[in-house]
Amino acid sequence: MDKDINRIKVVLAEKKRTNKWLAEQLGCAPTTVSKWCTNVCQPTMETYLKIAKTLEVELDDLLNKKYFESI
């Protein structure tokens, strides 16, 4: 089963943005964003919404649909 719950890393690459940039926009530590990008942990729903707004994408663009179809 694919354990990648989110697509934050993919969306950052598509938008040509870095973990450091996103951390600065959200006011959090770059290590936190790194953990999200590697799916070690997940942001809160409120943070997901902030990430979507910051990256100008829909919330579901940040989620790996294959993961949710498999559970």
PDB file of N, CA and C in Angstrom:
ATOM      1  N   MET A   1       0.846  -1.188   0.000  1.00  0.00           N
ATOM      2  CA  MET A   1       0.000   0.000   0.000  1.00  0.00           C
ATOM      3  C   MET A   1       0.884   1.241   0.000  1.00  0.00           C
ATOM      4  N   ASP A   2       0.481   2.204  -0.772  1.00  0.00           N
ATOM      5  CA  ASP A   2       1.202   3.471  -0.867  1.00  0.00           C
ATOM      6  C   ASP A   2       0.977   4.267   0.410  1.00  0.00           C
ATOM      7  N   LYS A   3       2.060   4.598   1.119  1.00  0.00           N
ATOM      8  CA  LYS A   3       1.933   5.293   2.398  1.00  0.00           C
ATOM      9  C   LYS A   3       2.050   6.804   2.260  1.00  0.00           C
ATOM     10  N   ASP A   4       2.185   7.296   1.045  1.00  0.00           N
ATOM     11  CA  ASP A   4       2.277   8.735   0.838  1.00  0.00           C
ATOM     12  C   ASP A   4       0.876   9.339   0.892  1.00  0.00           C
ATOM     13  N   ILE A   5       0.555   9.904   2.046  1.00  0.00           N
ATOM     14  CA  ILE A   5      -0.775  10.455   2.262  1.00  0.00           C
ATOM     15  C   ILE A   5      -0.944  11.781   1.523  1.00  0.00           C
ATOM     16  N   ASN A   6       0.107  12.609   1.554  1.00  0.00           N
ATOM     17  CA  ASN A   6      -0.016  13.916   0.896  1.00  0.00           C
ATOM     18  C   ASN A   6       0.921  14.044  -0.300  1.00  0.00           C
ATOM     19  N   ARG A   7       0.659  15.052  -1.105  1.00  0.00           N
ATOM     20  CA  ARG A   7       1.433  15.346  -2.308  1.00  0.00           C
ATOM     21  C   ARG A   7       2.123  16.706  -2.197  1.00  0.00           C
ATOM     22  N   ILE A   8       2.405  17.149  -0.995  1.00  0.00           N
ATOM     23  CA  ILE A   8       2.982  18.480  -0.805  1.00  0.00           C
ATOM     24  C   ILE A   8       4.294  18.612  -1.566  1.00  0.00           C
ATOM     25  N   LYS A   9       5.148  17.613  -1.486  1.00  0.00           N
ATOM     26  CA  LYS A   9       6.437  17.657  -2.177  1.00  0.00           C
ATOM     27  C   LYS A   9       6.235  17.790  -3.694  1.00  0.00           C
ATOM     28  N   VAL A  10       5.291  17.046  -4.240  1.00  0.00           N
ATOM     29  CA  VAL A  10       5.009  17.077  -5.676  1.00  0.00           C
ATOM     30  C   VAL A  10       4.500  18.450  -6.097  1.00  0.00           C
ATOM     31  N   VAL A  11       3.567  18.994  -5.324  1.00  0.00           N
ATOM     32  CA  VAL A  11       2.996  20.300  -5.651  1.00  0.00           C
ATOM     33  C   VAL A  11       4.064  21.396  -5.540  1.00  0.00           C
ATOM     34  N   LEU A  12       4.915  21.323  -4.537  1.00  0.00           N
ATOM     35  CA  LEU A  12       6.009  22.293  -4.419  1.00  0.00           C
ATOM     36  C   LEU A  12       6.891  22.241  -5.666  1.00  0.00           C
ATOM     37  N   ALA A  13       7.211  21.047  -6.137  1.00  0.00           N
ATOM     38  CA  ALA A  13       8.040  20.905  -7.342  1.00  0.00           C
ATOM     39  C   ALA A  13       7.323  21.470  -8.565  1.00  0.00           C
ATOM     40  N   GLU A  14       6.031  21.184  -8.685  1.00  0.00           N
ATOM     41  CA  GLU A  14       5.254  21.703  -9.813  1.00  0.00           C
ATOM     42  C   GLU A  14       5.219  23.228  -9.814  1.00  0.00           C
ATOM     43  N   LYS A  15       5.177  23.817  -8.628  1.00  0.00           N
ATOM     44  CA  LYS A  15       5.117  25.267  -8.485  1.00  0.00           C
ATOM     45  C   LYS A  15       6.510  25.907  -8.437  1.00  0.00           C
ATOM     46  N   LYS A  16       7.543  25.054  -8.521  1.00  0.00           N
ATOM     47  CA  LYS A  16       8.932  25.516  -8.460  1.00  0.00           C
ATOM     48  C   LYS A  16       9.218  26.307  -7.183  1.00  0.00           C
ATOM     49  N   ARG A  17       8.748  25.733  -6.084  1.00  0.00           N
ATOM     50  CA  ARG A  17       8.958  26.314  -4.750  1.00  0.00           C
ATOM     51  C   ARG A  17       9.709  25.327  -3.881  1.00  0.00           C
ATOM     52  N   THR A  18      10.333  25.820  -2.833  1.00  0.00           N
ATOM     53  CA  THR A  18      11.114  24.969  -1.946  1.00  0.00           C
ATOM     54  C   THR A  18      10.428  24.792  -0.598  1.00  0.00           C
ATOM     55  N   ASN A  19      10.910  23.793   0.143  1.00  0.00           N
ATOM     56  CA  ASN A  19      10.427  23.582   1.511  1.00  0.00           C
ATOM     57  C   ASN A  19      10.671  24.836   2.342  1.00  0.00           C
ATOM     58  N   LYS A  20      11.855  25.410   2.172  1.00  0.00           N
ATOM     59  CA  LYS A  20      12.228  26.607   2.935  1.00  0.00           C
ATOM     60  C   LYS A  20      11.258  27.757   2.637  1.00  0.00           C
ATOM     61  N   TRP A  21      10.913  27.946   1.376  1.00  0.00           N
ATOM     62  CA  TRP A  21       9.976  29.002   0.987  1.00  0.00           C
ATOM     63  C   TRP A  21       8.626  28.785   1.671  1.00  0.00           C
ATOM     64  N   LEU A  22       8.118  27.552   1.621  1.00  0.00           N
ATOM     65  CA  LEU A  22       6.822  27.256   2.225  1.00  0.00           C
ATOM     66  C   LEU A  22       6.873  27.479   3.736  1.00  0.00           C
ATOM     67  N   ALA A  23       7.957  27.068   4.367  1.00  0.00           N
ATOM     68  CA  ALA A  23       8.111  27.278   5.809  1.00  0.00           C
ATOM     69  C   ALA A  23       8.067  28.765   6.146  1.00  0.00           C
ATOM     70  N   GLU A  24       8.729  29.580   5.336  1.00  0.00           N
ATOM     71  CA  GLU A  24       8.714  31.032   5.572  1.00  0.00           C
ATOM     72  C   GLU A  24       7.314  31.594   5.411  1.00  0.00           C
ATOM     73  N   GLN A  25       6.582  31.126   4.417  1.00  0.00           N
ATOM     74  CA  GLN A  25       5.219  31.614   4.175  1.00  0.00           C
ATOM     75  C   GLN A  25       4.277  31.254   5.317  1.00  0.00           C
ATOM     76  N   LEU A  26       4.493  30.079   5.892  1.00  0.00           N
ATOM     77  CA  LEU A  26       3.605  29.583   6.954  1.00  0.00           C
ATOM     78  C   LEU A  26       4.083  29.955   8.351  1.00  0.00           C
ATOM     79  N   GLY A  27       5.318  30.437   8.445  1.00  0.00           N
ATOM     80  CA  GLY A  27       5.864  30.791   9.748  1.00  0.00           C
ATOM     81  C   GLY A  27       6.187  29.576  10.603  1.00  0.00           C
ATOM     82  N   CYS A  28       6.656  28.524   9.965  1.00  0.00           N
ATOM     83  CA  CYS A  28       7.029  27.322  10.711  1.00  0.00           C
ATOM     84  C   CYS A  28       8.460  26.915  10.354  1.00  0.00           C
ATOM     85  N   ALA A  29       8.953  25.909  11.016  1.00  0.00           N
ATOM     86  CA  ALA A  29      10.329  25.462  10.801  1.00  0.00           C
ATOM     87  C   ALA A  29      10.449  24.676   9.491  1.00  0.00           C
ATOM     88  N   PRO A  30      11.549  24.864   8.769  1.00  0.00           N
ATOM     89  CA  PRO A  30      11.769  24.083   7.549  1.00  0.00           C
ATOM     90  C   PRO A  30      11.769  22.574   7.810  1.00  0.00           C
ATOM     91  N   THR A  31      12.205  22.171   8.995  1.00  0.00           N
ATOM     92  CA  THR A  31      12.189  20.738   9.317  1.00  0.00           C
ATOM     93  C   THR A  31      10.759  20.191   9.393  1.00  0.00           C
ATOM     94  N   THR A  32       9.832  21.029   9.807  1.00  0.00           N
ATOM     95  CA  THR A  32       8.424  20.621   9.860  1.00  0.00           C
ATOM     96  C   THR A  32       7.909  20.358   8.451  1.00  0.00           C
ATOM     97  N   VAL A  33       8.196  21.286   7.536  1.00  0.00           N
ATOM     98  CA  VAL A  33       7.765  21.119   6.146  1.00  0.00           C
ATOM     99  C   VAL A  33       8.426  19.877   5.545  1.00  0.00           C
ATOM    100  N   SER A  34       9.682  19.656   5.874  1.00  0.00           N
ATOM    101  CA  SER A  34      10.387  18.470   5.384  1.00  0.00           C
ATOM    102  C   SER A  34       9.685  17.188   5.833  1.00  0.00           C
ATOM    103  N   LYS A  35       9.232  17.156   7.071  1.00  0.00           N
ATOM    104  CA  LYS A  35       8.518  15.977   7.584  1.00  0.00           C
ATOM    105  C   LYS A  35       7.204  15.767   6.843  1.00  0.00           C
ATOM    106  N   TRP A  36       6.528  16.862   6.502  1.00  0.00           N
ATOM    107  CA  TRP A  36       5.293  16.740   5.716  1.00  0.00           C
ATOM    108  C   TRP A  36       5.604  16.194   4.336  1.00  0.00           C
ATOM    109  N   CYS A  37       6.666  16.710   3.718  1.00  0.00           N
ATOM    110  CA  CYS A  37       7.018  16.322   2.350  1.00  0.00           C
ATOM    111  C   CYS A  37       7.438  14.857   2.257  1.00  0.00           C
ATOM    112  N   THR A  38       7.987  14.330   3.320  1.00  0.00           N
ATOM    113  CA  THR A  38       8.389  12.924   3.323  1.00  0.00           C
ATOM    114  C   THR A  38       7.319  12.033   3.958  1.00  0.00           C
ATOM    115  N   ASN A  39       6.195  12.621   4.323  1.00  0.00           N
ATOM    116  CA  ASN A  39       5.062  11.913   4.910  1.00  0.00           C
ATOM    117  C   ASN A  39       5.402  11.234   6.228  1.00  0.00           C
ATOM    118  N   VAL A  40       6.386  11.784   6.932  1.00  0.00           N
ATOM    119  CA  VAL A  40       6.705  11.299   8.279  1.00  0.00           C
ATOM    120  C   VAL A  40       5.584  11.696   9.225  1.00  0.00           C
ATOM    121  N   CYS A  41       5.046  12.886   9.027  1.00  0.00           N
ATOM    122  CA  CYS A  41       3.878  13.343   9.775  1.00  0.00           C
ATOM    123  C   CYS A  41       3.035  14.199   8.844  1.00  0.00           C
ATOM    124  N   GLN A  42       1.837  14.532   9.299  1.00  0.00           N
ATOM    125  CA  GLN A  42       0.900  15.290   8.462  1.00  0.00           C
ATOM    126  C   GLN A  42       0.537  16.604   9.142  1.00  0.00           C
ATOM    127  N   PRO A  43       0.323  17.644   8.330  1.00  0.00           N
ATOM    128  CA  PRO A  43      -0.130  18.914   8.911  1.00  0.00           C
ATOM    129  C   PRO A  43      -1.579  18.802   9.384  1.00  0.00           C
ATOM    130  N   THR A  44      -1.978  19.752  10.212  1.00  0.00           N
ATOM    131  CA  THR A  44      -3.379  19.803  10.639  1.00  0.00           C
ATOM    132  C   THR A  44      -4.238  20.223   9.457  1.00  0.00           C
ATOM    133  N   MET A  45      -5.533  20.029   9.574  1.00  0.00           N
ATOM    134  CA  MET A  45      -6.437  20.431   8.495  1.00  0.00           C
ATOM    135  C   MET A  45      -6.332  21.930   8.238  1.00  0.00           C
ATOM    136  N   GLU A  46      -6.238  22.710   9.304  1.00  0.00           N
ATOM    137  CA  GLU A  46      -6.089  24.154   9.165  1.00  0.00           C
ATOM    138  C   GLU A  46      -4.819  24.488   8.364  1.00  0.00           C
ATOM    139  N   THR A  47      -3.751  23.769   8.643  1.00  0.00           N
ATOM    140  CA  THR A  47      -2.497  24.007   7.934  1.00  0.00           C
ATOM    141  C   THR A  47      -2.601  23.561   6.482  1.00  0.00           C
ATOM    142  N   TYR A  48      -3.276  22.432   6.230  1.00  0.00           N
ATOM    143  CA  TYR A  48      -3.508  22.011   4.846  1.00  0.00           C
ATOM    144  C   TYR A  48      -4.192  23.133   4.066  1.00  0.00           C
ATOM    145  N   LEU A  49      -5.186  23.760   4.676  1.00  0.00           N
ATOM    146  CA  LEU A  49      -5.905  24.850   4.011  1.00  0.00           C
ATOM    147  C   LEU A  49      -4.980  26.027   3.729  1.00  0.00           C
ATOM    148  N   LYS A  50      -4.104  26.351   4.685  1.00  0.00           N
ATOM    149  CA  LYS A  50      -3.138  27.435   4.487  1.00  0.00           C
ATOM    150  C   LYS A  50      -2.154  27.097   3.368  1.00  0.00           C
ATOM    151  N   ILE A  51      -1.718  25.843   3.329  1.00  0.00           N
ATOM    152  CA  ILE A  51      -0.787  25.412   2.276  1.00  0.00           C
ATOM    153  C   ILE A  51      -1.451  25.529   0.912  1.00  0.00           C
ATOM    154  N   ALA A  52      -2.688  25.068   0.808  1.00  0.00           N
ATOM    155  CA  ALA A  52      -3.420  25.146  -0.461  1.00  0.00           C
ATOM    156  C   ALA A  52      -3.560  26.594  -0.914  1.00  0.00           C
ATOM    157  N   LYS A  53      -3.909  27.473  -0.001  1.00  0.00           N
ATOM    158  CA  LYS A  53      -4.058  28.885  -0.340  1.00  0.00           C
ATOM    159  C   LYS A  53      -2.718  29.488  -0.758  1.00  0.00           C
ATOM    160  N   THR A  54      -1.663  29.169  -0.014  1.00  0.00           N
ATOM    161  CA  THR A  54      -0.338  29.708  -0.303  1.00  0.00           C
ATOM    162  C   THR A  54       0.163  29.247  -1.669  1.00  0.00           C
ATOM    163  N   LEU A  55      -0.084  27.984  -2.002  1.00  0.00           N
ATOM    164  CA  LEU A  55       0.387  27.435  -3.273  1.00  0.00           C
ATOM    165  C   LEU A  55      -0.616  27.632  -4.410  1.00  0.00           C
ATOM    166  N   GLU A  56      -1.757  28.234  -4.085  1.00  0.00           N
ATOM    167  CA  GLU A  56      -2.815  28.507  -5.061  1.00  0.00           C
ATOM    168  C   GLU A  56      -3.276  27.235  -5.773  1.00  0.00           C
ATOM    169  N   VAL A  57      -3.602  26.233  -4.950  1.00  0.00           N
ATOM    170  CA  VAL A  57      -4.146  24.979  -5.454  1.00  0.00           C
ATOM    171  C   VAL A  57      -5.379  24.616  -4.634  1.00  0.00           C
ATOM    172  N   GLU A  58      -6.126  23.648  -5.120  1.00  0.00           N
ATOM    173  CA  GLU A  58      -7.260  23.139  -4.363  1.00  0.00           C
ATOM    174  C   GLU A  58      -6.744  22.193  -3.278  1.00  0.00           C
ATOM    175  N   LEU A  59      -7.469  22.078  -2.199  1.00  0.00           N
ATOM    176  CA  LEU A  59      -7.072  21.205  -1.095  1.00  0.00           C
ATOM    177  C   LEU A  59      -6.835  19.778  -1.573  1.00  0.00           C
ATOM    178  N   ASP A  60      -7.721  19.263  -2.410  1.00  0.00           N
ATOM    179  CA  ASP A  60      -7.557  17.869  -2.838  1.00  0.00           C
ATOM    180  C   ASP A  60      -6.342  17.664  -3.737  1.00  0.00           C
ATOM    181  N   ASP A  61      -5.753  18.735  -4.275  1.00  0.00           N
ATOM    182  CA  ASP A  61      -4.507  18.613  -5.032  1.00  0.00           C
ATOM    183  C   ASP A  61      -3.343  18.224  -4.117  1.00  0.00           C
ATOM    184  N   LEU A  62      -3.483  18.488  -2.831  1.00  0.00           N
ATOM    185  CA  LEU A  62      -2.428  18.176  -1.872  1.00  0.00           C
ATOM    186  C   LEU A  62      -2.534  16.754  -1.325  1.00  0.00           C
ATOM    187  N   LEU A  63      -3.619  16.075  -1.647  1.00  0.00           N
ATOM    188  CA  LEU A  63      -3.850  14.735  -1.099  1.00  0.00           C
ATOM    189  C   LEU A  63      -3.653  13.668  -2.167  1.00  0.00           C
ATOM    190  N   ASN A  64      -3.071  12.546  -1.749  1.00  0.00           N
ATOM    191  CA  ASN A  64      -2.841  11.424  -2.643  1.00  0.00           C
ATOM    192  C   ASN A  64      -4.121  10.589  -2.694  1.00  0.00           C
ATOM    193  N   LYS A  65      -4.862  10.726  -3.766  1.00  0.00           N
ATOM    194  CA  LYS A  65      -6.142  10.035  -3.883  1.00  0.00           C
ATOM    195  C   LYS A  65      -5.988   8.513  -3.849  1.00  0.00           C
ATOM    196  N   LYS A  66      -4.881   7.989  -4.376  1.00  0.00           N
ATOM    197  CA  LYS A  66      -4.657   6.540  -4.363  1.00  0.00           C
ATOM    198  C   LYS A  66      -4.576   6.005  -2.932  1.00  0.00           C
ATOM    199  N   TYR A  67      -4.006   6.781  -2.045  1.00  0.00           N
ATOM    200  CA  TYR A  67      -3.924   6.361  -0.638  1.00  0.00           C
ATOM    201  C   TYR A  67      -5.333   6.204  -0.060  1.00  0.00           C
ATOM    202  N   PHE A  68      -6.176   7.183  -0.281  1.00  0.00           N
ATOM    203  CA  PHE A  68      -7.512   7.164   0.310  1.00  0.00           C
ATOM    204  C   PHE A  68      -8.412   6.126  -0.330  1.00  0.00           C
ATOM    205  N   GLU A  69      -8.165   5.785  -1.590  1.00  0.00           N
ATOM    206  CA  GLU A  69      -8.938   4.731  -2.256  1.00  0.00           C
ATOM    207  C   GLU A  69      -8.580   3.355  -1.717  1.00  0.00           C
ATOM    208  N   SER A  70      -7.362   3.226  -1.149  1.00  0.00           N
ATOM    209  CA  SER A  70      -6.898   1.925  -0.695  1.00  0.00           C
ATOM    210  C   SER A  70      -7.269   1.612   0.762  1.00  0.00           C
ATOM    211  N   ILE A  71      -7.832   2.599   1.471  1.00  0.00           N
ATOM    212  CA  ILE A  71      -8.185   2.323   2.876  1.00  0.00           C
ATOM    213  C   ILE A  71      -9.649   2.034   3.036  1.00  0.00           C
TER     214      ILE A  71
END
